[in-house]
Amino acid sequence: MVIRDLFVAGTETTSTTIRWILVYLLSNPDVQEKCFQEIKEHIGQSRRPTMKDKTNLPYVEATIMEALRLSDIVPTALPHAVPHDVQFRGYTFPKGVQVIVMLDSVLQDPDVWGDPESFRPDRFLDDSGKIIKKEEFIPFSLGRRVCLGESMARMELFLFLTTMIQRFKFVPVDGQMPSLDGLIGITHYPRPFVMKAIQRI
């Protein structure tokens, strides 16, 4: 059941995140080019990326992290129940009551991110270009009920995105830029858009 849940839940969320990444790459061609140059320098174009390459591609990783933060595909996480009466900031949460965590309030907090509406992968890099791990980066929720598939999703996103950028340049069609305003369903997903994938030589 756990394996089935991983694949069922992971299919929708991973594909939605990839679509958001494409939206951000179309809207930020400089980020796409910077990712490609990093991939070209450390992997080249003759072999496929592997997870061993991840440490050498901090800008690609920061781009994925920024897409996860900004797209905020599960803004309220999943509901949980309180196992016993809990006192919190003057409120009593009785045993069994449902609690919904607002991840959105953290991932889009201007006090944490400064300009949360901007797509800026550099916010996850320090002055030496290494990844900064902020405790407010919680797209997979947090605590004991953190997303079971986080490590698998991050692996899939890295391998898919790195391979896609290595092989293709993504451009808008006839100047039609995708909307940055998403729609809410099971997840927060991008509106339909068109693009060209031009094979890199």
N, C-alpha and C. Protein backbone atom coordinates (compact mmCIF):
# COMPACT_ATOMS: atom_id res chain seq x y z
N MET A 1 0.83 -1.20 0.00
CA MET A 1 0.00 0.00 0.00
C MET A 1 0.87 1.26 0.00
N VAL A 2 1.96 1.21 0.75
CA VAL A 2 2.85 2.37 0.81
C VAL A 2 3.46 2.65 -0.56
N ILE A 3 3.93 1.58 -1.22
CA ILE A 3 4.53 1.73 -2.55
C ILE A 3 3.50 2.28 -3.53
N ARG A 4 2.27 1.75 -3.48
CA ARG A 4 1.20 2.24 -4.36
C ARG A 4 0.94 3.72 -4.10
N ASP A 5 0.84 4.11 -2.82
CA ASP A 5 0.61 5.52 -2.47
C ASP A 5 1.72 6.41 -3.00
N LEU A 6 2.97 5.94 -2.87
CA LEU A 6 4.11 6.72 -3.36
C LEU A 6 3.97 7.02 -4.85
N PHE A 7 3.61 6.01 -5.62
CA PHE A 7 3.53 6.21 -7.06
C PHE A 7 2.28 6.98 -7.48
N VAL A 8 1.14 6.71 -6.84
CA VAL A 8 -0.09 7.42 -7.20
C VAL A 8 0.04 8.89 -6.84
N ALA A 9 0.45 9.17 -5.59
CA ALA A 9 0.59 10.56 -5.15
C ALA A 9 1.75 11.23 -5.88
N GLY A 10 2.84 10.50 -6.09
CA GLY A 10 4.02 11.08 -6.72
C GLY A 10 3.85 11.41 -8.19
N THR A 11 2.97 10.71 -8.87
CA THR A 11 2.78 10.97 -10.30
C THR A 11 2.20 12.36 -10.53
N GLU A 12 1.13 12.68 -9.82
CA GLU A 12 0.48 13.99 -9.98
C GLU A 12 1.38 15.13 -9.52
N THR A 13 1.97 14.99 -8.36
CA THR A 13 2.76 16.09 -7.80
C THR A 13 4.04 16.34 -8.59
N THR A 14 4.71 15.26 -9.00
CA THR A 14 5.96 15.43 -9.75
C THR A 14 5.69 16.02 -11.14
N SER A 15 4.66 15.52 -11.83
CA SER A 15 4.36 16.06 -13.16
C SER A 15 3.91 17.52 -13.07
N THR A 16 3.16 17.87 -12.02
CA THR A 16 2.73 19.26 -11.84
C THR A 16 3.93 20.16 -11.57
N THR A 17 4.85 19.69 -10.75
CA THR A 17 6.06 20.48 -10.47
C THR A 17 6.89 20.68 -11.73
N ILE A 18 7.01 19.65 -12.56
CA ILE A 18 7.76 19.79 -13.82
C ILE A 18 7.09 20.83 -14.72
N ARG A 19 5.76 20.81 -14.79
CA ARG A 19 5.06 21.82 -15.60
C ARG A 19 5.33 23.23 -15.06
N TRP A 20 5.32 23.39 -13.73
CA TRP A 20 5.64 24.70 -13.16
C TRP A 20 7.07 25.11 -13.50
N ILE A 21 7.99 24.17 -13.42
CA ILE A 21 9.40 24.49 -13.74
C ILE A 21 9.49 24.99 -15.19
N LEU A 22 8.78 24.34 -16.10
CA LEU A 22 8.79 24.79 -17.50
C LEU A 22 8.20 26.20 -17.63
N VAL A 23 7.14 26.48 -16.89
CA VAL A 23 6.57 27.83 -16.89
C VAL A 23 7.63 28.85 -16.45
N TYR A 24 8.34 28.55 -15.37
CA TYR A 24 9.35 29.48 -14.86
C TYR A 24 10.54 29.60 -15.81
N LEU A 25 10.92 28.50 -16.47
CA LEU A 25 12.04 28.57 -17.42
C LEU A 25 11.67 29.40 -18.65
N LEU A 26 10.43 29.28 -19.11
CA LEU A 26 9.98 30.09 -20.24
C LEU A 26 9.96 31.57 -19.87
N SER A 27 9.57 31.86 -18.64
CA SER A 27 9.49 33.24 -18.19
C SER A 27 10.84 33.81 -17.77
N ASN A 28 11.81 32.93 -17.55
CA ASN A 28 13.15 33.36 -17.10
C ASN A 28 14.22 32.66 -17.94
N PRO A 29 14.36 33.05 -19.21
CA PRO A 29 15.32 32.36 -20.08
C PRO A 29 16.76 32.44 -19.58
N ASP A 30 17.08 33.47 -18.80
CA ASP A 30 18.43 33.58 -18.24
C ASP A 30 18.70 32.45 -17.25
N VAL A 31 17.69 32.07 -16.48
CA VAL A 31 17.83 30.95 -15.53
C VAL A 31 18.03 29.65 -16.30
N GLN A 32 17.23 29.46 -17.36
CA GLN A 32 17.36 28.26 -18.18
C GLN A 32 18.76 28.15 -18.77
N GLU A 33 19.27 29.27 -19.27
CA GLU A 33 20.61 29.27 -19.88
C GLU A 33 21.69 28.99 -18.85
N LYS A 34 21.53 29.56 -17.67
CA LYS A 34 22.52 29.34 -16.61
C LYS A 34 22.53 27.86 -16.19
N CYS A 35 21.35 27.25 -16.10
CA CYS A 35 21.26 25.82 -15.80
C CYS A 35 21.97 25.00 -16.88
N PHE A 36 21.71 25.35 -18.15
CA PHE A 36 22.32 24.60 -19.25
C PHE A 36 23.84 24.71 -19.22
N GLN A 37 24.35 25.92 -18.97
CA GLN A 37 25.80 26.10 -18.94
C GLN A 37 26.44 25.30 -17.81
N GLU A 38 25.77 25.21 -16.67
CA GLU A 38 26.29 24.42 -15.55
C GLU A 38 26.30 22.93 -15.91
N ILE A 39 25.21 22.48 -16.55
CA ILE A 39 25.13 21.08 -16.98
C ILE A 39 26.20 20.79 -18.03
N LYS A 40 26.35 21.70 -18.98
CA LYS A 40 27.34 21.51 -20.06
C LYS A 40 28.76 21.44 -19.49
N GLU A 41 29.04 22.28 -18.51
CA GLU A 41 30.38 22.33 -17.93
C GLU A 41 30.71 21.06 -17.13
N HIS A 42 29.75 20.56 -16.37
CA HIS A 42 30.03 19.45 -15.45
C HIS A 42 29.64 18.07 -15.97
N ILE A 43 28.74 18.02 -16.96
CA ILE A 43 28.32 16.72 -17.49
C ILE A 43 28.61 16.61 -18.98
N GLY A 44 28.42 17.72 -19.70
CA GLY A 44 28.52 17.68 -21.15
C GLY A 44 27.18 17.28 -21.74
N GLN A 45 27.20 16.89 -23.01
CA GLN A 45 25.96 16.50 -23.67
C GLN A 45 26.00 15.08 -24.22
N SER A 46 27.08 14.37 -23.94
CA SER A 46 27.22 13.03 -24.51
C SER A 46 26.72 11.92 -23.61
N ARG A 47 26.56 12.20 -22.31
CA ARG A 47 26.05 11.17 -21.41
C ARG A 47 24.87 11.72 -20.61
N ARG A 48 24.07 10.80 -20.10
CA ARG A 48 22.91 11.20 -19.30
C ARG A 48 23.33 11.56 -17.88
N PRO A 49 22.64 12.51 -17.27
CA PRO A 49 22.93 12.86 -15.87
C PRO A 49 22.58 11.71 -14.93
N THR A 50 23.30 11.63 -13.82
CA THR A 50 22.99 10.67 -12.76
C THR A 50 22.93 11.44 -11.44
N MET A 51 22.51 10.76 -10.40
CA MET A 51 22.43 11.41 -9.09
C MET A 51 23.82 11.78 -8.56
N LYS A 52 24.86 11.15 -9.07
CA LYS A 52 26.22 11.51 -8.65
C LYS A 52 26.58 12.93 -9.09
N ASP A 53 25.87 13.44 -10.10
CA ASP A 53 26.16 14.78 -10.61
C ASP A 53 25.54 15.89 -9.76
N LYS A 54 24.64 15.54 -8.87
CA LYS A 54 23.87 16.55 -8.15
C LYS A 54 24.74 17.56 -7.39
N THR A 55 25.78 17.08 -6.73
CA THR A 55 26.62 17.98 -5.94
C THR A 55 27.37 18.98 -6.82
N ASN A 56 27.55 18.65 -8.09
CA ASN A 56 28.25 19.56 -9.01
C ASN A 56 27.31 20.53 -9.72
N LEU A 57 26.01 20.43 -9.45
CA LEU A 57 25.03 21.28 -10.14
C LEU A 57 24.18 22.06 -9.13
N PRO A 58 24.82 22.91 -8.30
CA PRO A 58 24.05 23.62 -7.28
C PRO A 58 23.04 24.59 -7.85
N TYR A 59 23.33 25.19 -9.00
CA TYR A 59 22.36 26.15 -9.56
C TYR A 59 21.11 25.42 -10.07
N VAL A 60 21.30 24.26 -10.66
CA VAL A 60 20.15 23.44 -11.10
C VAL A 60 19.32 23.05 -9.87
N GLU A 61 20.00 22.61 -8.81
CA GLU A 61 19.29 22.24 -7.58
C GLU A 61 18.55 23.44 -6.98
N ALA A 62 19.20 24.61 -6.99
CA ALA A 62 18.55 25.82 -6.46
C ALA A 62 17.33 26.20 -7.31
N THR A 63 17.40 25.96 -8.60
CA THR A 63 16.27 26.24 -9.50
C THR A 63 15.09 25.33 -9.16
N ILE A 64 15.36 24.07 -8.90
CA ILE A 64 14.30 23.14 -8.51
C ILE A 64 13.70 23.56 -7.17
N MET A 65 14.55 23.93 -6.22
CA MET A 65 14.06 24.35 -4.91
C MET A 65 13.19 25.60 -5.02
N GLU A 66 13.62 26.54 -5.83
CA GLU A 66 12.84 27.77 -5.99
C GLU A 66 11.50 27.48 -6.67
N ALA A 67 11.48 26.56 -7.61
CA ALA A 67 10.22 26.17 -8.25
C ALA A 67 9.29 25.49 -7.25
N LEU A 68 9.85 24.64 -6.40
CA LEU A 68 9.03 23.99 -5.37
C LEU A 68 8.47 25.02 -4.40
N ARG A 69 9.27 26.01 -4.05
CA ARG A 69 8.81 27.05 -3.12
C ARG A 69 7.73 27.92 -3.74
N LEU A 70 7.99 28.43 -4.94
CA LEU A 70 7.08 29.39 -5.56
C LEU A 70 5.80 28.74 -6.08
N SER A 71 5.91 27.54 -6.65
CA SER A 71 4.70 26.90 -7.18
C SER A 71 3.78 26.42 -6.06
N ASP A 72 4.36 26.03 -4.94
CA ASP A 72 3.56 25.75 -3.75
C ASP A 72 2.38 24.84 -4.10
N ILE A 73 2.68 23.67 -4.69
CA ILE A 73 1.62 22.87 -5.31
C ILE A 73 0.63 22.24 -4.32
N VAL A 74 1.03 22.12 -3.05
CA VAL A 74 0.08 21.63 -2.04
C VAL A 74 0.07 22.66 -0.90
N PRO A 75 -0.57 23.81 -1.12
CA PRO A 75 -0.45 24.93 -0.18
C PRO A 75 -0.96 24.66 1.23
N THR A 76 -1.87 23.69 1.39
CA THR A 76 -2.40 23.41 2.73
C THR A 76 -1.94 22.07 3.26
N ALA A 77 -1.03 21.41 2.59
CA ALA A 77 -0.60 20.06 2.99
C ALA A 77 -1.83 19.15 3.11
N LEU A 78 -1.68 18.05 3.79
CA LEU A 78 -2.80 17.13 4.00
C LEU A 78 -3.32 17.30 5.42
N PRO A 79 -4.61 17.10 5.64
CA PRO A 79 -5.13 17.23 7.01
C PRO A 79 -4.63 16.11 7.92
N HIS A 80 -4.42 16.46 9.18
CA HIS A 80 -4.02 15.49 10.19
C HIS A 80 -4.94 15.63 11.38
N ALA A 81 -4.93 14.66 12.27
CA ALA A 81 -5.76 14.71 13.48
C ALA A 81 -4.86 14.79 14.71
N VAL A 82 -5.34 15.51 15.71
CA VAL A 82 -4.60 15.65 16.96
C VAL A 82 -4.80 14.36 17.78
N PRO A 83 -3.71 13.70 18.23
CA PRO A 83 -3.84 12.41 18.92
C PRO A 83 -4.35 12.52 20.36
N HIS A 84 -4.23 13.71 20.94
CA HIS A 84 -4.70 13.95 22.31
C HIS A 84 -4.95 15.46 22.45
N ASP A 85 -5.58 15.87 23.52
CA ASP A 85 -5.82 17.31 23.74
C ASP A 85 -4.50 18.05 23.73
N VAL A 86 -4.47 19.17 22.98
CA VAL A 86 -3.24 19.97 22.87
C VAL A 86 -3.55 21.42 23.20
N GLN A 87 -2.71 22.03 24.04
CA GLN A 87 -2.81 23.46 24.33
C GLN A 87 -1.77 24.18 23.48
N PHE A 88 -2.22 25.19 22.74
CA PHE A 88 -1.30 25.93 21.87
C PHE A 88 -1.72 27.39 21.81
N ARG A 89 -0.86 28.27 22.32
CA ARG A 89 -1.08 29.72 22.31
C ARG A 89 -2.47 30.11 22.82
N GLY A 90 -2.86 29.52 23.92
CA GLY A 90 -4.13 29.87 24.53
C GLY A 90 -5.33 29.15 23.97
N TYR A 91 -5.12 28.29 22.97
CA TYR A 91 -6.22 27.54 22.37
C TYR A 91 -6.12 26.07 22.76
N THR A 92 -7.26 25.41 22.85
CA THR A 92 -7.29 23.97 23.11
C THR A 92 -7.74 23.25 21.85
N PHE A 93 -6.91 22.32 21.39
CA PHE A 93 -7.26 21.46 20.27
C PHE A 93 -7.65 20.11 20.86
N PRO A 94 -8.95 19.77 20.84
CA PRO A 94 -9.35 18.50 21.45
C PRO A 94 -8.90 17.29 20.63
N LYS A 95 -8.71 16.20 21.31
CA LYS A 95 -8.31 14.95 20.67
C LYS A 95 -9.22 14.64 19.48
N GLY A 96 -8.60 14.30 18.34
CA GLY A 96 -9.35 13.90 17.15
C GLY A 96 -9.69 15.03 16.19
N VAL A 97 -9.49 16.30 16.62
CA VAL A 97 -9.83 17.42 15.73
C VAL A 97 -8.85 17.46 14.56
N GLN A 98 -9.35 17.82 13.38
CA GLN A 98 -8.48 17.92 12.20
C GLN A 98 -7.69 19.22 12.23
N VAL A 99 -6.42 19.13 11.84
CA VAL A 99 -5.54 20.29 11.74
C VAL A 99 -5.00 20.35 10.33
N ILE A 100 -5.09 21.52 9.70
CA ILE A 100 -4.55 21.70 8.35
C ILE A 100 -3.43 22.73 8.42
N VAL A 101 -2.25 22.33 8.02
CA VAL A 101 -1.08 23.20 8.04
C VAL A 101 -1.07 24.07 6.79
N MET A 102 -0.91 25.38 6.96
CA MET A 102 -0.85 26.30 5.83
C MET A 102 0.61 26.49 5.40
N LEU A 103 1.11 25.59 4.56
CA LEU A 103 2.49 25.70 4.07
C LEU A 103 2.68 27.01 3.31
N ASP A 104 1.62 27.45 2.65
CA ASP A 104 1.64 28.69 1.88
C ASP A 104 2.09 29.87 2.73
N SER A 105 1.68 29.91 4.00
CA SER A 105 2.01 31.04 4.86
C SER A 105 3.51 31.13 5.14
N VAL A 106 4.21 30.01 4.99
CA VAL A 106 5.66 30.00 5.19
C VAL A 106 6.39 30.17 3.86
N LEU A 107 5.98 29.43 2.84
CA LEU A 107 6.67 29.46 1.55
C LEU A 107 6.52 30.80 0.84
N GLN A 108 5.48 31.57 1.18
CA GLN A 108 5.24 32.86 0.54
C GLN A 108 5.40 34.03 1.52
N ASP A 109 6.07 33.81 2.63
CA ASP A 109 6.21 34.83 3.67
C ASP A 109 7.27 35.86 3.28
N PRO A 110 6.88 37.15 3.09
CA PRO A 110 7.86 38.16 2.72
C PRO A 110 8.91 38.41 3.80
N ASP A 111 8.58 38.13 5.07
CA ASP A 111 9.57 38.31 6.14
C ASP A 111 10.70 37.29 6.03
N VAL A 112 10.41 36.16 5.41
CA VAL A 112 11.42 35.10 5.24
C VAL A 112 12.16 35.26 3.93
N TRP A 113 11.41 35.49 2.84
CA TRP A 113 11.98 35.44 1.49
C TRP A 113 12.24 36.80 0.87
N GLY A 114 11.70 37.87 1.45
CA GLY A 114 11.93 39.22 0.92
C GLY A 114 11.03 39.54 -0.25
N ASP A 115 11.19 38.82 -1.33
CA ASP A 115 10.37 39.02 -2.54
C ASP A 115 9.81 37.66 -2.97
N PRO A 116 8.87 37.10 -2.19
CA PRO A 116 8.42 35.72 -2.43
C PRO A 116 7.75 35.50 -3.77
N GLU A 117 7.25 36.57 -4.41
CA GLU A 117 6.57 36.40 -5.70
C GLU A 117 7.55 36.32 -6.86
N SER A 118 8.82 36.56 -6.62
CA SER A 118 9.85 36.53 -7.67
C SER A 118 10.49 35.14 -7.76
N PHE A 119 10.78 34.73 -9.00
CA PHE A 119 11.48 33.46 -9.22
C PHE A 119 12.98 33.76 -9.22
N ARG A 120 13.64 33.44 -8.12
CA ARG A 120 15.04 33.80 -7.94
C ARG A 120 15.80 32.65 -7.29
N PRO A 121 16.33 31.70 -8.11
CA PRO A 121 17.05 30.55 -7.55
C PRO A 121 18.23 30.93 -6.67
N ASP A 122 18.83 32.10 -6.92
CA ASP A 122 20.02 32.52 -6.15
C ASP A 122 19.74 32.62 -4.66
N ARG A 123 18.48 32.75 -4.28
CA ARG A 123 18.17 32.86 -2.84
C ARG A 123 18.57 31.60 -2.09
N PHE A 124 18.77 30.49 -2.82
CA PHE A 124 19.16 29.23 -2.18
C PHE A 124 20.66 28.95 -2.31
N LEU A 125 21.44 29.96 -2.72
CA LEU A 125 22.88 29.79 -2.87
C LEU A 125 23.62 30.80 -2.00
N ASP A 126 24.71 30.36 -1.37
CA ASP A 126 25.52 31.30 -0.60
C ASP A 126 26.53 31.98 -1.51
N ASP A 127 27.40 32.79 -0.93
CA ASP A 127 28.37 33.56 -1.74
C ASP A 127 29.35 32.69 -2.50
N SER A 128 29.56 31.45 -2.04
CA SER A 128 30.48 30.55 -2.74
C SER A 128 29.74 29.64 -3.71
N GLY A 129 28.41 29.84 -3.87
CA GLY A 129 27.64 29.06 -4.82
C GLY A 129 27.16 27.73 -4.29
N LYS A 130 27.25 27.53 -2.98
CA LYS A 130 26.77 26.28 -2.38
C LYS A 130 25.32 26.44 -1.92
N ILE A 131 24.59 25.32 -1.87
CA ILE A 131 23.17 25.32 -1.48
C ILE A 131 23.01 25.75 -0.02
N ILE A 132 22.05 26.66 0.19
CA ILE A 132 21.65 27.05 1.55
C ILE A 132 20.38 26.29 1.89
N LYS A 133 20.37 25.61 3.02
CA LYS A 133 19.18 24.87 3.46
C LYS A 133 18.46 25.70 4.52
N LYS A 134 17.39 26.37 4.10
CA LYS A 134 16.60 27.18 5.03
C LYS A 134 15.55 26.31 5.70
N GLU A 135 15.36 26.49 7.00
CA GLU A 135 14.36 25.67 7.69
C GLU A 135 12.95 26.04 7.26
N GLU A 136 12.75 27.22 6.67
CA GLU A 136 11.43 27.61 6.17
C GLU A 136 11.10 27.00 4.81
N PHE A 137 12.03 26.30 4.22
CA PHE A 137 11.78 25.63 2.94
C PHE A 137 11.08 24.30 3.23
N ILE A 138 9.73 24.33 3.18
CA ILE A 138 8.95 23.16 3.61
C ILE A 138 7.90 22.75 2.57
N PRO A 139 8.25 22.65 1.28
CA PRO A 139 7.23 22.26 0.29
C PRO A 139 6.70 20.84 0.49
N PHE A 140 7.45 20.02 1.23
CA PHE A 140 7.02 18.64 1.48
C PHE A 140 6.44 18.49 2.89
N SER A 141 6.05 19.61 3.51
CA SER A 141 5.55 19.66 4.87
C SER A 141 6.72 19.48 5.84
N LEU A 142 6.43 19.17 7.10
CA LEU A 142 7.49 19.04 8.08
C LEU A 142 7.04 18.16 9.24
N GLY A 143 8.01 17.82 10.08
CA GLY A 143 7.70 17.01 11.24
C GLY A 143 7.58 15.52 10.91
N ARG A 144 6.91 14.80 11.82
CA ARG A 144 6.79 13.34 11.66
C ARG A 144 5.94 12.97 10.46
N ARG A 145 5.11 13.88 9.99
CA ARG A 145 4.21 13.57 8.87
C ARG A 145 4.70 14.21 7.56
N VAL A 146 6.00 14.43 7.47
CA VAL A 146 6.57 14.96 6.23
C VAL A 146 6.26 13.98 5.09
N CYS A 147 6.21 14.49 3.87
CA CYS A 147 5.87 13.67 2.71
C CYS A 147 6.77 12.44 2.62
N LEU A 148 6.16 11.29 2.55
CA LEU A 148 6.88 10.02 2.49
C LEU A 148 7.74 9.93 1.23
N GLY A 149 7.29 10.59 0.15
CA GLY A 149 7.99 10.47 -1.12
C GLY A 149 8.97 11.59 -1.43
N GLU A 150 9.34 12.39 -0.41
CA GLU A 150 10.20 13.55 -0.68
C GLU A 150 11.50 13.17 -1.37
N SER A 151 12.22 12.19 -0.84
CA SER A 151 13.52 11.85 -1.44
C SER A 151 13.35 11.33 -2.86
N MET A 152 12.30 10.55 -3.10
CA MET A 152 12.06 10.05 -4.45
C MET A 152 11.69 11.19 -5.39
N ALA A 153 10.83 12.10 -4.93
CA ALA A 153 10.41 13.23 -5.76
C ALA A 153 11.59 14.12 -6.11
N ARG A 154 12.44 14.39 -5.14
CA ARG A 154 13.60 15.26 -5.40
C ARG A 154 14.57 14.60 -6.37
N MET A 155 14.71 13.28 -6.27
CA MET A 155 15.55 12.54 -7.21
C MET A 155 14.96 12.62 -8.62
N GLU A 156 13.65 12.35 -8.72
CA GLU A 156 12.99 12.39 -10.03
C GLU A 156 13.09 13.78 -10.65
N LEU A 157 12.82 14.81 -9.86
CA LEU A 157 12.87 16.18 -10.39
C LEU A 157 14.26 16.53 -10.88
N PHE A 158 15.28 16.13 -10.12
CA PHE A 158 16.65 16.42 -10.55
C PHE A 158 16.99 15.72 -11.86
N LEU A 159 16.70 14.43 -11.95
CA LEU A 159 17.05 13.66 -13.15
C LEU A 159 16.25 14.12 -14.37
N PHE A 160 14.95 14.33 -14.18
CA PHE A 160 14.11 14.79 -15.31
C PHE A 160 14.57 16.16 -15.79
N LEU A 161 14.66 17.12 -14.87
CA LEU A 161 14.96 18.49 -15.26
C LEU A 161 16.34 18.60 -15.89
N THR A 162 17.33 17.96 -15.28
CA THR A 162 18.70 18.04 -15.80
C THR A 162 18.76 17.44 -17.21
N THR A 163 18.12 16.31 -17.41
CA THR A 163 18.12 15.68 -18.73
C THR A 163 17.37 16.53 -19.75
N MET A 164 16.24 17.11 -19.35
CA MET A 164 15.46 17.94 -20.27
C MET A 164 16.24 19.17 -20.72
N ILE A 165 16.87 19.85 -19.77
CA ILE A 165 17.63 21.07 -20.12
C ILE A 165 18.89 20.71 -20.89
N GLN A 166 19.48 19.57 -20.59
CA GLN A 166 20.67 19.12 -21.31
C GLN A 166 20.36 18.92 -22.79
N ARG A 167 19.16 18.44 -23.10
CA ARG A 167 18.83 18.04 -24.47
C ARG A 167 17.97 19.04 -25.24
N PHE A 168 17.24 19.90 -24.52
CA PHE A 168 16.31 20.81 -25.19
C PHE A 168 16.39 22.23 -24.64
N LYS A 169 16.10 23.17 -25.51
CA LYS A 169 15.89 24.56 -25.10
C LYS A 169 14.39 24.81 -25.21
N PHE A 170 13.79 25.32 -24.15
CA PHE A 170 12.35 25.54 -24.11
C PHE A 170 12.05 27.00 -24.36
N VAL A 171 11.23 27.26 -25.37
CA VAL A 171 10.91 28.65 -25.76
C VAL A 171 9.40 28.80 -25.94
N PRO A 172 8.89 30.02 -25.73
CA PRO A 172 7.46 30.25 -25.97
C PRO A 172 7.13 30.22 -27.45
N VAL A 173 5.87 30.00 -27.76
CA VAL A 173 5.39 29.98 -29.15
C VAL A 173 4.79 31.34 -29.47
N ASP A 174 5.32 31.99 -30.52
CA ASP A 174 4.80 33.28 -30.97
C ASP A 174 4.71 34.31 -29.84
N GLY A 175 5.68 34.26 -28.94
CA GLY A 175 5.72 35.23 -27.86
C GLY A 175 4.65 35.05 -26.80
N GLN A 176 3.90 33.94 -26.85
CA GLN A 176 2.85 33.69 -25.85
C GLN A 176 3.48 33.14 -24.57
N MET A 177 3.57 34.01 -23.56
CA MET A 177 4.15 33.59 -22.29
C MET A 177 3.09 32.92 -21.43
N PRO A 178 3.45 31.85 -20.72
CA PRO A 178 2.47 31.18 -19.86
C PRO A 178 2.09 32.06 -18.68
N SER A 179 0.89 31.86 -18.19
CA SER A 179 0.43 32.60 -17.02
C SER A 179 1.16 32.10 -15.77
N LEU A 180 1.49 33.02 -14.88
CA LEU A 180 2.11 32.66 -13.61
C LEU A 180 1.07 32.45 -12.53
N ASP A 181 -0.20 32.67 -12.87
CA ASP A 181 -1.31 32.44 -11.94
C ASP A 181 -1.84 31.03 -12.16
N GLY A 182 -1.74 30.21 -11.15
CA GLY A 182 -2.18 28.83 -11.28
C GLY A 182 -3.64 28.63 -10.93
N LEU A 183 -4.06 27.39 -11.00
CA LEU A 183 -5.42 26.99 -10.66
C LEU A 183 -5.35 26.00 -9.50
N ILE A 184 -6.40 25.98 -8.68
CA ILE A 184 -6.42 25.08 -7.53
C ILE A 184 -7.37 23.91 -7.81
N GLY A 185 -6.84 22.72 -7.67
CA GLY A 185 -7.65 21.50 -7.76
C GLY A 185 -7.15 20.59 -6.66
N ILE A 186 -6.77 19.36 -7.01
CA ILE A 186 -6.12 18.49 -6.04
C ILE A 186 -4.78 19.13 -5.65
N THR A 187 -4.16 19.78 -6.63
CA THR A 187 -2.92 20.52 -6.40
C THR A 187 -3.08 21.92 -6.98
N HIS A 188 -2.09 22.77 -6.71
CA HIS A 188 -2.01 24.09 -7.34
C HIS A 188 -1.22 23.87 -8.64
N TYR A 189 -1.90 23.99 -9.78
CA TYR A 189 -1.27 23.62 -11.05
C TYR A 189 -1.31 24.78 -12.04
N PRO A 190 -0.39 24.79 -13.02
CA PRO A 190 -0.36 25.89 -13.98
C PRO A 190 -1.49 25.80 -14.99
N ARG A 191 -1.89 26.97 -15.50
CA ARG A 191 -2.88 26.99 -16.57
C ARG A 191 -2.26 26.37 -17.82
N PRO A 192 -3.08 25.83 -18.73
CA PRO A 192 -2.52 25.24 -19.97
C PRO A 192 -1.68 26.27 -20.74
N PHE A 193 -0.59 25.82 -21.31
CA PHE A 193 0.27 26.71 -22.09
C PHE A 193 0.92 25.92 -23.22
N VAL A 194 1.44 26.65 -24.19
CA VAL A 194 2.15 26.01 -25.31
C VAL A 194 3.60 26.47 -25.30
N MET A 195 4.47 25.63 -25.84
CA MET A 195 5.90 25.95 -25.91
C MET A 195 6.53 25.09 -26.98
N LYS A 196 7.75 25.45 -27.34
CA LYS A 196 8.56 24.65 -28.25
C LYS A 196 9.72 24.07 -27.48
N ALA A 197 10.06 22.81 -27.77
CA ALA A 197 11.26 22.18 -27.24
C ALA A 197 12.22 22.02 -28.39
N ILE A 198 13.26 22.84 -28.43
CA ILE A 198 14.23 22.82 -29.53
C ILE A 198 15.43 21.98 -29.12
N GLN A 199 15.72 20.97 -29.91
CA GLN A 199 16.83 20.07 -29.56
C GLN A 199 18.16 20.82 -29.59
N ARG A 200 18.95 20.63 -28.54
CA ARG A 200 20.27 21.25 -28.50
C ARG A 200 21.25 20.39 -29.28
N ILE A 201 22.13 21.04 -29.98
CA ILE A 201 23.11 20.32 -30.81
C ILE A 201 24.47 20.38 -30.15
